[in-house]
Amino acid sequence: MREYLYNFVANCIVCALMLAPAAAWAALPLITDDTYTQGKGKSQLEVGAVYNGYNSSEGSIAIKETDLAIFSTLTYGITNRVDVFINLLYVWFHVQTEGGNITADGISETVLGVKWRLYEKNRLSFAVKPVMILPTGNEDKGLGGGRINYGAYFILTKEFDPWAIHANLGYIRNDNRIDERNDLWQASLATTYEMVKDLTLCADIGALTNKDKTSEVERSYLLVGLIYSVKDNVDISLGVKFGLNKPEKDWALLPGATYRF
């Protein structure tokens, strides 16, 4: 049973790796990224979290899971159109069943990436974002896959003040030792609406490849949230994410803060 629980935790952490860094790349609390860059010589620090509780079952085994992922992303503009960033992730999981409990916590994978805005005209823009995932988590504790992975995202943004629409198509190579799918795709669409000065409403919907090889049902979600600009260079945000089908977790809270300097 204990070996089963460790494998379950490892699977859950890979789920968090797919979500938490993605959230950090986008304007918090969104998962879908935009084409905006910082500008030459400017920086941005984002700190956020993903928290949820989840009840499920595996055969006759009832499972109660509580998990937390805390992420931070530092972004620097090397030109007006090109950013580089590093994302760090800390995870904590508690899995409870009648047969035993497992708690795992620690630093997980580190993500390095570049965002390059290739095209911009008439408030329509396109960008690409290649990423590399480094196995900095403790594999024996289930905090990482133990292998270097990579991926890329294609991003579109169209602005219609006070609205903006963003679309993403992404791919992550998921080399692993826990018999998951190796090729993971993500498609999502988000919108933002500035209701009043300094307060923005946002929504995000998307689907991700199910890493479980025994299931053909993709994970899908809906997220709604608010962004409040405390100052010109400081935002605080809160999002609530809902699972739209069984493979996706029922709900998650996504608080966050952004500082530009």
Protein backbone atom coordinates (compact mmCIF):
# COMPACT_ATOMS: atom_id res chain seq x y z
CA MET A 1 0.00 0.00 0.00
CA ARG A 2 2.78 2.43 0.89
CA GLU A 3 4.42 1.94 -2.52
CA TYR A 4 1.04 2.60 -4.17
CA LEU A 5 0.65 5.84 -2.20
CA TYR A 6 4.13 7.02 -3.18
CA ASN A 7 3.27 6.42 -6.83
CA PHE A 8 0.00 8.29 -6.36
CA VAL A 9 1.81 11.27 -4.82
CA ALA A 10 4.33 11.30 -7.67
CA ASN A 11 1.48 11.41 -10.19
CA CYS A 12 -0.16 14.30 -8.32
CA ILE A 13 3.06 16.28 -8.24
CA VAL A 14 3.48 15.95 -11.98
CA CYS A 15 -0.04 17.41 -12.27
CA ALA A 16 1.05 20.37 -10.16
CA LEU A 17 4.14 20.86 -12.34
CA MET A 18 1.89 21.19 -15.38
CA LEU A 19 -0.32 23.78 -13.68
CA ALA A 20 1.74 25.85 -11.25
CA PRO A 21 4.56 26.95 -13.59
CA ALA A 22 2.01 27.69 -16.28
CA ALA A 23 0.13 29.92 -13.88
CA ALA A 24 3.35 31.68 -12.99
CA TRP A 25 4.14 32.49 -16.61
CA ALA A 26 0.74 34.11 -17.19
CA ALA A 27 -0.71 37.21 -15.56
CA LEU A 28 -1.73 35.81 -12.19
CA PRO A 29 -4.13 34.12 -11.55
CA LEU A 30 -4.49 33.01 -15.19
CA ILE A 31 -3.05 29.80 -16.58
CA THR A 32 -3.18 31.04 -20.20
CA ASP A 33 -0.21 33.30 -20.97
CA ASP A 34 -0.20 36.57 -22.94
CA THR A 35 2.31 37.99 -25.41
CA TYR A 36 3.29 40.94 -23.20
CA THR A 37 6.97 41.35 -22.31
CA GLN A 38 8.69 43.44 -19.64
CA GLY A 39 10.75 45.76 -21.83
CA LYS A 40 14.52 46.01 -22.06
CA GLY A 41 16.19 46.11 -18.65
CA LYS A 42 12.96 45.72 -16.68
CA SER A 43 12.09 42.88 -14.31
CA GLN A 44 9.10 41.21 -12.73
CA LEU A 45 8.70 38.96 -9.69
CA GLU A 46 5.57 36.81 -9.33
CA VAL A 47 4.74 34.76 -6.24
CA GLY A 48 1.65 32.60 -6.10
CA ALA A 49 0.13 29.38 -4.84
CA VAL A 50 -2.25 26.63 -5.92
CA TYR A 51 -4.20 24.98 -3.09
CA ASN A 52 -6.90 22.33 -3.28
CA GLY A 53 -8.51 19.39 -1.55
CA TYR A 54 -9.61 16.37 -3.52
CA ASN A 55 -11.54 13.17 -2.83
CA SER A 56 -11.24 10.24 -5.22
CA SER A 57 -10.97 6.46 -5.31
CA GLU A 58 -8.80 3.79 -6.87
CA GLY A 59 -10.85 0.63 -7.07
CA SER A 60 -12.19 0.08 -3.56
CA ILE A 61 -9.61 2.45 -2.02
CA ALA A 62 -10.99 5.84 -0.94
CA ILE A 63 -8.41 8.63 -1.23
CA LYS A 64 -8.45 12.06 0.40
CA GLU A 65 -5.79 14.44 -0.87
CA THR A 66 -4.74 17.93 0.20
CA ASP A 67 -2.02 19.65 -1.78
CA LEU A 68 -0.26 23.00 -2.02
CA ALA A 69 2.14 24.31 -4.64
CA ILE A 70 3.98 27.60 -4.05
CA PHE A 71 5.77 29.07 -7.03
CA SER A 72 7.89 32.12 -7.78
CA THR A 73 8.94 33.42 -11.18
CA LEU A 74 11.60 36.03 -11.88
CA THR A 75 11.45 37.54 -15.39
CA TYR A 76 13.95 39.91 -17.04
CA GLY A 77 13.60 41.75 -20.35
CA ILE A 78 16.75 41.39 -22.42
CA THR A 79 15.13 43.36 -25.27
CA ASN A 80 11.74 45.02 -25.68
CA ARG A 81 10.41 41.83 -27.30
CA VAL A 82 12.37 39.08 -25.51
CA ASP A 83 12.12 37.98 -21.85
CA VAL A 84 14.01 35.28 -19.98
CA PHE A 85 12.64 33.74 -16.80
CA ILE A 86 13.25 31.18 -14.06
CA ASN A 87 10.45 29.48 -12.13
CA LEU A 88 10.92 27.73 -8.77
CA LEU A 89 8.32 25.42 -7.28
CA TYR A 90 7.76 24.10 -3.76
CA VAL A 91 5.10 21.41 -3.23
CA TRP A 92 3.39 19.84 -0.23
CA PHE A 93 1.03 16.87 -0.50
CA HIS A 94 -0.91 14.85 2.05
CA VAL A 95 -2.65 11.70 0.84
CA GLN A 96 -4.90 9.83 3.28
CA THR A 97 -6.47 6.39 2.82
CA GLU A 98 -7.71 3.65 5.13
CA GLY A 99 -4.47 1.80 4.46
CA GLY A 100 -2.11 4.60 5.43
CA ASN A 101 -1.00 8.19 4.93
CA ILE A 102 1.79 9.80 2.95
CA THR A 103 3.08 13.37 3.27
CA ALA A 104 5.64 14.70 0.80
CA ASP A 105 7.11 18.17 0.62
CA GLY A 106 10.11 19.99 -0.77
CA ILE A 107 11.55 21.80 -3.76
CA SER A 108 10.30 20.36 -7.04
CA GLU A 109 11.30 20.97 -10.66
CA THR A 110 12.87 24.25 -11.86
CA VAL A 111 11.74 25.78 -15.15
CA LEU A 112 13.88 27.99 -17.40
CA GLY A 113 12.40 29.73 -20.41
CA VAL A 114 12.32 32.49 -22.99
CA LYS A 115 9.33 34.43 -24.34
CA TRP A 116 9.79 36.09 -27.74
CA ARG A 117 7.09 38.33 -29.21
CA LEU A 118 7.50 37.69 -32.92
CA TYR A 119 4.73 39.84 -34.40
CA GLU A 120 2.67 42.85 -33.36
CA LYS A 121 0.27 44.89 -35.51
CA ASN A 122 -3.21 46.41 -35.04
CA ARG A 123 -3.25 45.20 -31.41
CA LEU A 124 -2.78 41.59 -32.53
CA SER A 125 0.43 39.86 -31.44
CA PHE A 126 2.06 36.42 -31.53
CA ALA A 127 4.78 34.98 -29.30
CA VAL A 128 6.65 31.72 -28.74
CA LYS A 129 7.87 30.45 -25.38
CA PRO A 130 10.34 27.52 -25.28
CA VAL A 131 10.95 26.04 -21.82
CA MET A 132 13.30 23.57 -20.15
CA ILE A 133 12.33 21.68 -16.97
CA LEU A 134 15.24 20.71 -14.72
CA PRO A 135 14.96 17.72 -12.32
CA THR A 136 15.83 19.62 -9.13
CA GLY A 137 13.24 17.79 -6.99
CA ASN A 138 14.03 14.74 -4.86
CA GLU A 139 12.99 11.81 -7.04
CA ASP A 140 13.02 9.35 -4.11
CA LYS A 141 10.36 11.45 -2.35
CA GLY A 142 8.29 11.69 -5.52
CA LEU A 143 9.10 15.40 -5.96
CA GLY A 144 10.30 15.12 -9.53
CA GLY A 145 10.62 12.90 -12.55
CA GLY A 146 14.41 12.64 -12.41
CA ARG A 147 14.87 13.68 -16.04
CA ILE A 148 15.33 16.88 -18.02
CA ASN A 149 12.25 17.78 -20.03
CA TYR A 150 11.39 20.51 -22.49
CA GLY A 151 8.47 22.12 -24.23
CA ALA A 152 7.14 25.13 -26.12
CA TYR A 153 4.06 27.35 -26.13
CA PHE A 154 2.54 29.35 -28.97
CA ILE A 155 0.70 32.46 -27.75
CA LEU A 156 -1.78 34.86 -29.35
CA THR A 157 -3.14 38.10 -27.86
CA LYS A 158 -5.79 40.43 -29.30
CA GLU A 159 -6.83 43.63 -27.54
CA PHE A 160 -10.23 45.35 -27.74
CA ASP A 161 -10.21 47.85 -24.86
CA PRO A 162 -11.37 47.23 -22.17
CA TRP A 163 -11.18 43.57 -23.27
CA ALA A 164 -8.21 41.38 -24.18
CA ILE A 165 -8.25 37.79 -25.46
CA HIS A 166 -5.37 35.32 -25.15
CA ALA A 167 -4.97 31.85 -26.68
CA ASN A 168 -2.28 29.23 -26.00
CA LEU A 169 -1.22 25.95 -27.56
CA GLY A 170 1.54 24.15 -25.67
CA TYR A 171 3.54 20.93 -25.65
CA ILE A 172 5.62 19.37 -22.86
CA ARG A 173 7.84 16.31 -23.26
CA ASN A 174 7.20 14.25 -20.12
CA ASP A 175 10.05 11.74 -19.81
CA ASN A 176 9.38 9.85 -16.57
CA ARG A 177 9.85 6.59 -14.67
CA ILE A 178 6.24 6.18 -13.49
CA ASP A 179 4.68 4.96 -16.76
CA GLU A 180 2.91 8.18 -17.73
CA ARG A 181 2.29 9.52 -21.21
CA ASN A 182 5.38 11.13 -22.65
CA ASP A 183 3.69 13.71 -24.87
CA LEU A 184 1.53 16.30 -23.10
CA TRP A 185 -0.52 18.95 -24.91
CA GLN A 186 -2.30 21.98 -23.52
CA ALA A 187 -4.82 24.28 -25.24
CA SER A 188 -6.48 27.22 -23.49
CA LEU A 189 -8.32 30.50 -23.99
CA ALA A 190 -8.54 33.44 -21.58
CA THR A 191 -10.05 36.90 -21.45
CA THR A 192 -9.58 39.94 -19.24
CA TYR A 193 -11.96 42.87 -18.73
CA GLU A 194 -11.07 46.07 -16.90
CA MET A 195 -14.28 46.74 -14.97
CA VAL A 196 -13.05 49.95 -13.34
CA LYS A 197 -9.66 51.57 -12.97
CA ASP A 198 -7.19 49.16 -11.32
CA LEU A 199 -9.67 46.25 -11.10
CA THR A 200 -9.73 43.55 -13.78
CA LEU A 201 -11.99 40.54 -14.11
CA CYS A 202 -10.51 37.48 -15.81
CA ALA A 203 -11.60 34.04 -16.99
CA ASP A 204 -9.72 31.07 -18.38
CA ILE A 205 -10.79 27.74 -19.89
CA GLY A 206 -8.59 24.94 -21.16
CA ALA A 207 -7.77 21.28 -21.62
CA LEU A 208 -4.62 19.27 -20.92
CA THR A 209 -3.49 15.80 -21.89
CA ASN A 210 -4.32 13.17 -19.28
CA LYS A 211 -1.02 11.67 -18.14
CA ASP A 212 -2.75 8.44 -17.14
CA LYS A 213 -2.27 5.99 -20.02
CA THR A 214 -5.34 4.03 -18.97
CA SER A 215 -7.68 6.99 -19.60
CA GLU A 216 -8.59 8.65 -22.88
CA VAL A 217 -10.40 11.57 -21.19
CA GLU A 218 -8.44 14.83 -21.20
CA ARG A 219 -8.36 17.09 -18.14
CA SER A 220 -10.39 20.29 -18.54
CA TYR A 221 -10.87 23.31 -16.27
CA LEU A 222 -12.56 26.69 -15.89
CA LEU A 223 -10.98 29.51 -13.91
CA VAL A 224 -12.39 32.88 -12.83
CA GLY A 225 -10.54 35.57 -10.93
CA LEU A 226 -9.80 39.20 -10.11
CA ILE A 227 -6.64 41.31 -10.44
CA TYR A 228 -6.30 44.48 -8.36
CA SER A 229 -3.52 46.96 -9.11
CA VAL A 230 -2.44 48.35 -5.74
CA LYS A 231 0.14 50.54 -7.50
CA ASP A 232 1.31 50.90 -11.08
CA ASN A 233 3.91 48.24 -10.41
CA VAL A 234 2.13 46.02 -7.84
CA ASP A 235 -0.82 43.66 -8.44
CA ILE A 236 -2.58 41.22 -6.14
CA SER A 237 -4.83 38.52 -7.52
CA LEU A 238 -7.12 35.67 -6.60
CA GLY A 239 -8.51 32.93 -8.81
CA VAL A 240 -10.78 29.93 -8.34
CA LYS A 241 -10.33 26.97 -10.69
CA PHE A 242 -13.03 24.35 -11.23
CA GLY A 243 -12.59 20.92 -12.78
CA LEU A 244 -14.97 20.35 -15.69
CA ASN A 245 -14.60 16.57 -15.74
CA LYS A 246 -13.51 13.69 -13.52
CA PRO A 247 -9.77 13.62 -14.36
CA GLU A 248 -9.38 17.27 -13.27
CA LYS A 249 -9.40 18.11 -9.57
CA ASP A 250 -12.69 19.54 -8.31
CA TRP A 251 -11.43 22.96 -7.28
CA ALA A 252 -8.35 25.02 -6.50
CA LEU A 253 -7.59 28.46 -5.03
CA LEU A 254 -4.89 30.55 -6.72
CA PRO A 255 -3.77 33.62 -4.71
CA GLY A 256 -0.84 35.64 -6.04
CA ALA A 257 1.12 38.88 -6.11
CA THR A 258 3.19 40.57 -8.85
CA TYR A 259 5.92 43.21 -8.48
CA ARG A 260 7.47 44.98 -11.48
CA PHE A 261 10.74 46.88 -11.17
